Amino acid sequence: MGLGRPELRAWALYDWANSAFQTTIIAAVFPVYYSSVAAADLASTTATARYATTTTIALTIIAILSPVLGAYADFAGVRKRLLALGMVLGVGATAAMFWIERGDYRLAEILFLLANIGIYASYVFYDSLLPHVASDDEMDRVSSAGYALGYLGGGLLLVLNLLWILHPQWFGLPDAGFASRLSFLSVAIWWVAFAIPLFRRVPEPPVHPEAKALAAQGAVRASVIQLIATLRELRAYRQAALMLVAFLIYNDGIGTIIRMGVVYGTELGLPSSALIGAIVMVQFVGVPFALLFGRLAARTGAKPAIFLALVVYTIISLIAYRMTTAWEFFVLAFLVGTVQGGSQALSRSLFATMVPRHKSSEFFGFFAVFEKFAGIFGPAIFALTVHLTGSSRYAILSVIAFFVAGGALLAMVDVGAGRRAARDAEAAAKQL
């Protein structure tokens, strides 16, 4: 897997640790439990609206905080501490979901809000450690290996959680409701247990002399000064900035496929068993293909590999437009599994090679902002297309525009120039 050193294995294992949250809490179990139990006394449309609002508030909060926290982490040398703080918040809120009972929709929303803020905050500092543990030549492979481990770890715990819920008597559990609450607790335990190697094996990157000078001005003032300086410096990192915009657009299309896929399948009348089975299948298909994309990037470079993924996503949209049966949905899920992890892993690693290491947290704070806003425009255009045409089929077809526009901008990114600008900045900072 290209994880030949202890710090690489420890870093990648955090993907294994936190992906259980993505599968059990975000994708499969908690949304159903919220609608059918916590918000059972509300109208279904009201419950859906409240759930969507909670998600939007959480993403907005972390999008606002990420650049500031990233700037603070760089000059204070506390990437791992802030990662731990986000993880503790997320783990604590997730574990507390065990006590959500029927009618506790407000408690469920508060805990879901806090858990989302915690996990997405931890991602900022986790991603920012990548250029410190891996060399430029290793980043694509290591990032892809992390996603592969995430798919495997999240998929394994999801399968166990679904077995608890579907067959509670096999495990001596009283009912499916208790099994669902137990699955939330299992995510928290899993997350903590497999995060330990990162804190033991991955060293805290040293504070740069340039950052030490800023620290004398106080934490808040220094964070704001550093953030403003980075916004101005983005002009010097034109290729990294262009990559961010391209990522915002094509990742919006990817996110729309992921978020709306099950809803679209439900609208077409596909059985829930097929939809759940497809979610599980994506997790395990993603493992080998994330690794394959890492190897492909080693041969061709990350940018051509991302182009391939965008072509596959375009094919997915075309197939979805004509889809009528459950087996076609499984074909779509398989295709999503082949490119989802690879496209996101290589986007992360490609961006990491074009930013200076001593400002990695700060730049990944901006990366987090673009990643969160990438969840807004696609679903909005999807909904607008449904409203104008009266058909979700045309809406799923409209997503192709994101892949085309994002790919066109990605084609304009000069990766070599971007990497040279980042390395030159590192060399100048060392001289200073």
Protein backbone atom coordinates (compact mmCIF):
# COMPACT_ATOMS: atom_id res chain seq x y z
CA MET A 1 0.00 0.00 0.00
CA GLY A 2 3.02 2.29 0.03
CA LEU A 3 2.92 2.73 3.80
CA GLY A 4 6.43 1.55 4.53
CA ARG A 5 7.14 3.76 7.55
CA PRO A 6 5.39 3.80 10.95
CA GLU A 7 4.34 7.44 10.64
CA LEU A 8 2.73 6.77 7.23
CA ARG A 9 0.76 3.82 8.58
CA ALA A 10 -0.29 5.79 11.65
CA TRP A 11 -1.42 8.75 9.53
CA ALA A 12 -3.42 6.59 7.11
CA LEU A 13 -5.04 4.67 9.96
CA TYR A 14 -6.90 7.82 11.03
CA ASP A 15 -8.93 7.45 7.81
CA TRP A 16 -9.86 3.95 9.02
CA ALA A 17 -10.80 5.45 12.40
CA ASN A 18 -13.04 8.31 11.29
CA SER A 19 -14.70 6.73 8.25
CA ALA A 20 -17.01 4.78 10.55
CA PHE A 21 -18.64 8.14 11.29
CA GLN A 22 -19.18 8.76 7.58
CA THR A 23 -20.80 5.38 6.95
CA THR A 24 -22.88 4.80 10.10
CA ILE A 25 -23.69 8.38 11.18
CA ILE A 26 -23.75 10.33 7.91
CA ALA A 27 -24.84 7.78 5.32
CA ALA A 28 -26.79 4.83 6.67
CA VAL A 29 -27.99 4.47 10.27
CA PHE A 30 -28.40 7.85 11.98
CA PRO A 31 -30.50 9.51 9.21
CA VAL A 32 -33.02 6.66 9.40
CA TYR A 33 -33.00 6.64 13.22
CA TYR A 34 -33.53 10.41 13.32
CA SER A 35 -36.50 10.28 10.95
CA SER A 36 -38.17 7.17 12.34
CA VAL A 37 -37.43 7.53 16.08
CA ALA A 38 -36.04 10.87 17.25
CA ALA A 39 -38.35 12.91 14.99
CA ALA A 40 -41.14 10.35 14.81
CA ASP A 41 -43.67 12.84 16.22
CA LEU A 42 -42.92 15.41 13.53
CA ALA A 43 -44.26 15.54 9.98
CA SER A 44 -41.85 13.84 7.60
CA THR A 45 -41.27 17.03 5.62
CA THR A 46 -40.56 18.95 8.84
CA ALA A 47 -38.10 16.30 10.01
CA THR A 48 -36.28 16.35 6.65
CA ALA A 49 -36.09 20.15 6.69
CA ARG A 50 -34.72 20.24 10.26
CA TYR A 51 -32.13 17.56 9.44
CA ALA A 52 -30.98 19.44 6.34
CA THR A 53 -30.83 22.72 8.27
CA THR A 54 -28.71 21.15 11.01
CA THR A 55 -26.27 19.82 8.42
CA THR A 56 -26.05 23.21 6.70
CA ILE A 57 -25.40 25.05 9.99
CA ALA A 58 -22.64 22.61 10.93
CA LEU A 59 -20.90 22.92 7.56
CA THR A 60 -21.20 26.71 7.62
CA ILE A 61 -19.66 26.95 11.10
CA ILE A 62 -16.68 24.79 10.19
CA ALA A 63 -16.25 26.61 6.86
CA ILE A 64 -15.97 29.91 8.75
CA LEU A 65 -13.67 28.56 11.46
CA SER A 66 -11.33 26.43 9.32
CA PRO A 67 -9.08 29.15 7.85
CA VAL A 68 -8.66 30.89 11.22
CA LEU A 69 -7.95 27.65 13.08
CA GLY A 70 -5.58 26.63 10.29
CA ALA A 71 -3.62 29.86 10.61
CA TYR A 72 -3.43 29.45 14.38
CA ALA A 73 -2.24 25.84 14.06
CA ASP A 74 0.60 26.86 11.75
CA PHE A 75 2.13 29.57 13.90
CA ALA A 76 1.41 27.92 17.28
CA GLY A 77 2.55 24.44 16.25
CA VAL A 78 -0.59 22.75 17.57
CA ARG A 79 -1.90 20.79 14.60
CA LYS A 80 -2.17 17.55 16.58
CA ARG A 81 -3.71 19.28 19.59
CA LEU A 82 -6.42 20.89 17.47
CA LEU A 83 -6.98 17.59 15.68
CA ALA A 84 -7.41 15.96 19.10
CA LEU A 85 -9.80 18.73 20.20
CA GLY A 86 -11.98 18.23 17.12
CA MET A 87 -11.88 14.47 17.61
CA VAL A 88 -12.87 14.70 21.29
CA LEU A 89 -15.82 16.92 20.40
CA GLY A 90 -16.92 14.55 17.63
CA VAL A 91 -16.40 11.39 19.68
CA GLY A 92 -18.19 12.80 22.72
CA ALA A 93 -21.22 13.91 20.72
CA THR A 94 -21.36 10.62 18.83
CA ALA A 95 -21.17 8.55 22.03
CA ALA A 96 -23.93 10.68 23.59
CA MET A 97 -26.25 9.69 20.69
CA PHE A 98 -26.73 6.43 22.58
CA TRP A 99 -29.20 8.28 24.85
CA ILE A 100 -31.41 9.59 22.02
CA GLU A 101 -34.93 8.16 22.43
CA ARG A 102 -38.25 8.67 20.66
CA GLY A 103 -39.14 12.35 20.42
CA ASP A 104 -35.64 13.59 21.29
CA TYR A 105 -35.21 15.35 17.96
CA ARG A 106 -33.72 18.49 19.52
CA LEU A 107 -31.10 16.47 21.38
CA ALA A 108 -30.39 14.50 18.18
CA GLU A 109 -29.91 17.72 16.20
CA ILE A 110 -27.58 19.28 18.79
CA LEU A 111 -25.43 16.15 19.01
CA PHE A 112 -25.38 15.72 15.21
CA LEU A 113 -24.34 19.39 14.85
CA LEU A 114 -21.49 19.04 17.37
CA ALA A 115 -20.32 15.72 15.93
CA ASN A 116 -20.15 17.17 12.42
CA ILE A 117 -18.21 20.21 13.61
CA GLY A 118 -15.81 17.92 15.46
CA ILE A 119 -15.07 15.52 12.63
CA TYR A 120 -14.75 18.15 9.91
CA ALA A 121 -12.47 20.27 12.12
CA SER A 122 -10.24 17.24 12.68
CA TYR A 123 -10.05 16.70 8.90
CA VAL A 124 -8.42 20.13 8.43
CA PHE A 125 -5.47 19.25 10.65
CA TYR A 126 -5.33 15.61 9.58
CA ASP A 127 -5.04 16.60 5.92
CA SER A 128 -2.48 19.29 6.77
CA LEU A 129 -0.16 16.63 8.24
CA LEU A 130 0.08 14.81 4.88
CA PRO A 131 2.89 16.97 3.38
CA HIS A 132 4.83 16.58 6.63
CA VAL A 133 4.77 12.77 6.74
CA ALA A 134 5.08 12.07 3.00
CA SER A 135 7.42 13.38 0.32
CA ASP A 136 6.10 14.84 -2.94
CA ASP A 137 6.61 11.48 -4.66
CA GLU A 138 4.72 9.63 -1.90
CA MET A 139 1.71 11.87 -1.41
CA ASP A 140 -0.59 10.42 -4.10
CA ARG A 141 0.06 6.87 -2.95
CA VAL A 142 -0.23 7.63 0.77
CA SER A 143 -3.39 9.72 0.36
CA SER A 144 -5.01 6.96 -1.73
CA ALA A 145 -3.99 4.33 0.82
CA GLY A 146 -5.67 6.40 3.52
CA TYR A 147 -8.91 6.48 1.55
CA ALA A 148 -8.67 2.73 0.90
CA LEU A 149 -8.28 2.05 4.63
CA GLY A 150 -11.19 4.39 5.28
CA TYR A 151 -13.45 2.49 2.93
CA LEU A 152 -12.47 -0.82 4.50
CA GLY A 153 -12.77 0.31 8.12
CA GLY A 154 -16.00 2.21 7.62
CA GLY A 155 -17.47 -0.64 5.60
CA LEU A 156 -16.60 -3.32 8.16
CA LEU A 157 -18.17 -1.46 11.09
CA LEU A 158 -21.22 -0.56 8.97
CA VAL A 159 -21.78 -4.25 8.15
CA LEU A 160 -21.56 -5.13 11.85
CA ASN A 161 -23.94 -2.30 12.76
CA LEU A 162 -26.46 -3.37 10.11
CA LEU A 163 -26.31 -6.97 11.38
CA TRP A 164 -27.06 -5.72 14.90
CA ILE A 165 -30.05 -3.73 13.62
CA LEU A 166 -31.47 -6.34 11.23
CA HIS A 167 -30.89 -9.33 13.54
CA PRO A 168 -30.62 -8.04 17.13
CA GLN A 169 -31.52 -11.46 18.55
CA TRP A 170 -28.32 -12.93 17.11
CA PHE A 171 -26.33 -10.72 19.46
CA GLY A 172 -28.59 -10.82 22.49
CA LEU A 173 -29.84 -7.28 21.89
CA PRO A 174 -33.44 -6.41 22.85
CA ASP A 175 -34.54 -4.69 19.63
CA ALA A 176 -33.44 -2.76 16.54
CA GLY A 177 -33.76 0.59 18.33
CA PHE A 178 -31.27 -0.40 21.02
CA ALA A 179 -29.01 -1.87 18.32
CA SER A 180 -29.09 1.45 16.45
CA ARG A 181 -28.10 3.38 19.57
CA LEU A 182 -25.37 0.83 20.27
CA SER A 183 -24.03 1.40 16.75
CA PHE A 184 -23.56 5.11 17.54
CA LEU A 185 -21.54 4.19 20.62
CA SER A 186 -19.48 1.71 18.59
CA VAL A 187 -18.52 4.48 16.15
CA ALA A 188 -17.16 6.60 19.00
CA ILE A 189 -15.11 3.71 20.42
CA TRP A 190 -13.80 2.73 16.96
CA TRP A 191 -12.83 6.33 16.20
CA VAL A 192 -10.82 6.76 19.40
CA ALA A 193 -9.15 3.34 19.35
CA PHE A 194 -7.75 3.59 15.83
CA ALA A 195 -6.74 7.26 16.17
CA ILE A 196 -4.20 6.44 18.90
CA PRO A 197 -1.35 5.50 16.47
CA LEU A 198 -1.47 8.93 14.84
CA PHE A 199 -0.88 10.70 18.14
CA ARG A 200 1.90 8.29 19.07
CA ARG A 201 3.75 7.98 15.75
CA VAL A 202 3.19 11.17 13.75
CA PRO A 203 5.39 14.01 15.06
CA GLU A 204 4.11 17.55 15.42
CA PRO A 205 5.65 19.57 12.55
CA PRO A 206 8.12 22.19 13.81
CA VAL A 207 7.03 25.80 14.08
CA HIS A 208 8.61 27.90 11.35
CA PRO A 209 10.71 30.95 12.40
CA GLU A 210 8.38 33.18 10.39
CA ALA A 211 5.46 31.86 12.46
CA LYS A 212 7.34 32.31 15.76
CA ALA A 213 7.66 36.01 15.05
CA LEU A 214 3.89 36.26 14.58
CA ALA A 215 3.14 34.36 17.78
CA ALA A 216 4.54 37.23 19.86
CA GLN A 217 1.54 39.35 18.82
CA GLY A 218 -1.00 37.13 20.55
CA ALA A 219 -3.07 34.19 19.36
CA VAL A 220 -6.13 35.97 17.95
CA ARG A 221 -4.26 38.88 16.36
CA ALA A 222 -1.60 36.60 14.90
CA SER A 223 -4.26 34.26 13.43
CA VAL A 224 -6.07 37.13 11.72
CA ILE A 225 -2.81 38.66 10.42
CA GLN A 226 -1.68 35.31 9.07
CA LEU A 227 -5.06 34.67 7.45
CA ILE A 228 -5.08 38.06 5.71
CA ALA A 229 -1.50 37.53 4.56
CA THR A 230 -2.36 34.13 3.07
CA LEU A 231 -5.35 35.57 1.22
CA ARG A 232 -2.99 38.10 -0.34
CA GLU A 233 -0.38 35.45 -1.03
CA LEU A 234 -2.84 33.31 -2.96
CA ARG A 235 -1.86 35.40 -5.96
CA ALA A 236 1.65 33.96 -5.60
CA TYR A 237 0.17 30.45 -5.55
CA ARG A 238 -2.00 30.89 -8.61
CA GLN A 239 -1.96 27.21 -9.54
CA ALA A 240 -3.04 26.10 -6.05
CA ALA A 241 -5.83 28.71 -6.10
CA LEU A 242 -6.98 27.53 -9.55
CA MET A 243 -6.93 23.96 -8.28
CA LEU A 244 -9.19 25.01 -5.39
CA VAL A 245 -11.75 26.52 -7.78
CA ALA A 246 -11.66 23.47 -10.06
CA PHE A 247 -12.07 21.22 -7.00
CA LEU A 248 -15.01 23.30 -5.78
CA ILE A 249 -16.84 22.77 -9.07
CA TYR A 250 -16.18 19.11 -9.89
CA ASN A 251 -16.44 18.03 -6.24
CA ASP A 252 -19.85 19.68 -6.14
CA GLY A 253 -20.92 17.28 -8.87
CA ILE A 254 -19.41 14.32 -7.02
CA GLY A 255 -21.15 15.36 -3.79
CA THR A 256 -24.48 15.69 -5.59
CA ILE A 257 -24.21 12.15 -6.96
CA ILE A 258 -23.40 10.85 -3.46
CA ARG A 259 -26.10 12.81 -1.62
CA MET A 260 -28.92 12.48 -4.14
CA GLY A 261 -28.26 8.92 -5.33
CA VAL A 262 -30.34 7.14 -2.67
CA VAL A 263 -33.08 9.79 -2.84
CA TYR A 264 -33.20 9.38 -6.63
CA GLY A 265 -33.36 5.59 -6.32
CA THR A 266 -36.18 5.86 -3.77
CA GLU A 267 -38.13 8.15 -6.09
CA LEU A 268 -37.83 5.55 -8.85
CA GLY A 269 -39.37 2.98 -6.50
CA LEU A 270 -36.29 0.85 -5.92
CA PRO A 271 -36.47 -1.37 -2.80
CA SER A 272 -34.71 -0.14 0.34
CA SER A 273 -32.78 -3.41 0.59
CA ALA A 274 -31.18 -2.66 -2.78
CA LEU A 275 -30.29 0.88 -1.71
CA ILE A 276 -28.67 -0.27 1.55
CA GLY A 277 -26.86 -3.08 -0.25
CA ALA A 278 -25.50 -0.60 -2.76
CA ILE A 279 -24.15 1.66 0.02
CA VAL A 280 -22.31 -1.29 1.55
CA MET A 281 -20.97 -2.39 -1.82
CA VAL A 282 -19.50 1.06 -2.52
CA GLN A 283 -17.41 0.78 0.65
CA PHE A 284 -15.72 -2.45 -0.36
CA VAL A 285 -15.38 -1.68 -4.07
CA GLY A 286 -13.66 1.54 -3.04
CA VAL A 287 -10.80 -0.27 -1.27
CA PRO A 288 -8.92 -1.78 -4.24
CA PHE A 289 -9.81 1.03 -6.62
CA ALA A 290 -8.51 3.75 -4.29
CA LEU A 291 -5.21 1.87 -4.22
CA LEU A 292 -5.28 1.45 -8.01
CA PHE A 293 -5.78 5.18 -8.47
CA GLY A 294 -2.74 5.79 -6.27
CA ARG A 295 -0.67 3.53 -8.52
CA LEU A 296 -2.13 5.12 -11.64
CA ALA A 297 -1.15 8.57 -10.36
CA ALA A 298 2.41 7.30 -9.82
CA ARG A 299 2.56 6.45 -13.53
CA THR A 300 0.60 9.29 -15.13
CA GLY A 301 0.43 11.99 -12.45
CA ALA A 302 -2.54 12.91 -10.27
CA LYS A 303 -4.19 15.27 -12.75
CA PRO A 304 -4.75 12.72 -15.57
CA ALA A 305 -6.08 10.23 -12.99
CA ILE A 306 -8.61 12.81 -11.75
CA PHE A 307 -9.65 13.44 -15.39
CA LEU A 308 -10.36 9.71 -15.74
CA ALA A 309 -12.54 9.81 -12.63
CA LEU A 310 -14.52 12.76 -14.01
CA VAL A 311 -15.14 10.86 -17.27
CA VAL A 312 -16.49 7.92 -15.26
CA TYR A 313 -18.74 10.25 -13.25
CA THR A 314 -20.11 11.63 -16.53
CA ILE A 315 -20.92 8.07 -17.62
CA ILE A 316 -22.60 7.50 -14.24
CA SER A 317 -24.87 10.49 -14.81
CA LEU A 318 -25.80 9.25 -18.29
CA ILE A 319 -26.65 5.77 -16.99
CA ALA A 320 -28.65 7.24 -14.08
CA TYR A 321 -30.69 9.30 -16.53
CA ARG A 322 -32.00 6.08 -18.15
CA MET A 323 -32.04 3.88 -15.02
CA THR A 324 -35.21 1.93 -14.24
CA THR A 325 -34.18 -1.23 -12.35
CA ALA A 326 -32.36 -2.22 -9.16
CA TRP A 327 -29.56 -4.01 -11.02
CA GLU A 328 -28.79 -0.79 -12.89
CA PHE A 329 -28.54 0.98 -9.52
CA PHE A 330 -25.99 -1.62 -8.42
CA VAL A 331 -24.02 -0.94 -11.61
CA LEU A 332 -24.04 2.76 -10.75
CA ALA A 333 -22.96 2.03 -7.18
CA PHE A 334 -20.10 -0.12 -8.47
CA LEU A 335 -18.93 2.65 -10.81
CA VAL A 336 -19.13 5.21 -7.99
CA GLY A 337 -17.01 2.91 -5.83
CA THR A 338 -14.35 2.72 -8.53
CA VAL A 339 -13.74 6.48 -8.63
CA GLN A 340 -15.05 8.11 -5.47
CA GLY A 341 -12.06 7.43 -3.22
CA GLY A 342 -9.47 7.92 -5.94
CA SER A 343 -10.81 11.28 -7.10
CA GLN A 344 -10.96 12.69 -3.57
CA ALA A 345 -7.64 11.23 -2.43
CA LEU A 346 -5.76 12.55 -5.45
CA SER A 347 -7.41 15.97 -5.17
CA ARG A 348 -6.12 16.13 -1.59
CA SER A 349 -2.60 15.02 -2.47
CA LEU A 350 -2.37 17.18 -5.62
CA PHE A 351 -3.29 20.27 -3.63
CA ALA A 352 -0.84 19.29 -0.87
CA THR A 353 2.08 19.30 -3.32
CA MET A 354 1.33 22.87 -4.42
CA VAL A 355 1.27 24.56 -0.99
CA PRO A 356 4.26 25.38 1.27
CA ARG A 357 4.58 22.89 4.09
CA HIS A 358 4.96 25.48 6.83
CA LYS A 359 1.52 26.86 5.92
CA SER A 360 -0.20 23.54 5.28
CA SER A 361 -2.87 23.90 8.00
CA GLU A 362 -3.75 27.35 6.78
CA PHE A 363 -4.09 26.26 3.16
CA PHE A 364 -6.04 23.16 4.12
CA GLY A 365 -8.32 25.45 6.08
CA PHE A 366 -9.19 27.06 2.75
CA PHE A 367 -9.42 23.60 1.20
CA ALA A 368 -12.01 22.73 3.86
CA VAL A 369 -14.00 25.88 3.04
CA PHE A 370 -14.13 24.99 -0.66
CA GLU A 371 -14.96 21.38 0.18
CA LYS A 372 -17.93 22.43 2.36
CA PHE A 373 -19.28 24.94 -0.14
CA ALA A 374 -19.05 22.19 -2.73
CA GLY A 375 -22.07 20.67 -1.01
CA ILE A 376 -24.30 23.66 -1.70
CA PHE A 377 -24.53 24.47 -5.40
CA GLY A 378 -25.01 20.98 -6.85
CA PRO A 379 -28.08 20.05 -4.79
CA ALA A 380 -29.48 23.56 -5.37
CA ILE A 381 -29.19 23.20 -9.15
CA PHE A 382 -30.57 19.66 -8.87
CA ALA A 383 -33.63 21.00 -7.04
CA LEU A 384 -34.04 23.91 -9.49
CA THR A 385 -33.90 21.54 -12.46
CA VAL A 386 -36.56 19.32 -10.89
CA HIS A 387 -38.72 22.40 -10.32
CA LEU A 388 -38.31 23.64 -13.90
CA THR A 389 -38.62 20.31 -15.70
CA GLY A 390 -40.68 18.26 -13.26
CA SER A 391 -38.22 15.39 -13.62
CA SER A 392 -35.30 14.15 -11.51
CA ARG A 393 -33.91 12.46 -14.61
CA TYR A 394 -33.04 15.82 -16.16
CA ALA A 395 -31.68 16.94 -12.79
CA ILE A 396 -29.24 14.03 -12.60
CA LEU A 397 -28.22 14.82 -16.17
CA SER A 398 -27.51 18.46 -15.25
CA VAL A 399 -24.73 17.32 -12.87
CA ILE A 400 -22.54 16.61 -15.92
CA ALA A 401 -22.01 20.37 -16.24
CA PHE A 402 -20.01 20.33 -12.98
CA PHE A 403 -17.69 17.61 -14.28
CA VAL A 404 -17.14 19.41 -17.58
CA ALA A 405 -16.56 22.86 -16.05
CA GLY A 406 -14.40 21.53 -13.22
CA GLY A 407 -12.38 19.42 -15.62
CA ALA A 408 -11.83 22.41 -17.93
CA LEU A 409 -10.42 24.46 -15.04
CA LEU A 410 -8.31 21.53 -13.85
CA ALA A 411 -6.79 21.33 -17.34
CA MET A 412 -5.54 24.89 -16.88
CA VAL A 413 -3.64 24.01 -13.68
CA ASP A 414 0.14 23.90 -14.25
CA VAL A 415 1.13 21.39 -11.58
CA GLY A 416 4.86 21.84 -12.14
CA ALA A 417 4.65 25.61 -11.72
CA GLY A 418 2.51 25.19 -8.63
CA ARG A 419 5.00 22.84 -7.00
CA ARG A 420 7.93 25.10 -7.83
CA ALA A 421 6.16 28.08 -6.25
CA ALA A 422 5.56 26.09 -3.06
CA ARG A 423 9.14 24.82 -2.83
CA ASP A 424 10.55 28.29 -3.56
CA ALA A 425 8.44 29.68 -0.72
CA GLU A 426 9.78 27.00 1.62
CA ALA A 427 13.37 27.78 0.64
CA ALA A 428 12.85 31.53 1.12
CA ALA A 429 11.24 30.97 4.52
CA LYS A 430 14.19 28.81 5.61
CA GLN A 431 16.64 31.54 4.64
CA LEU A 432 14.58 34.05 6.59
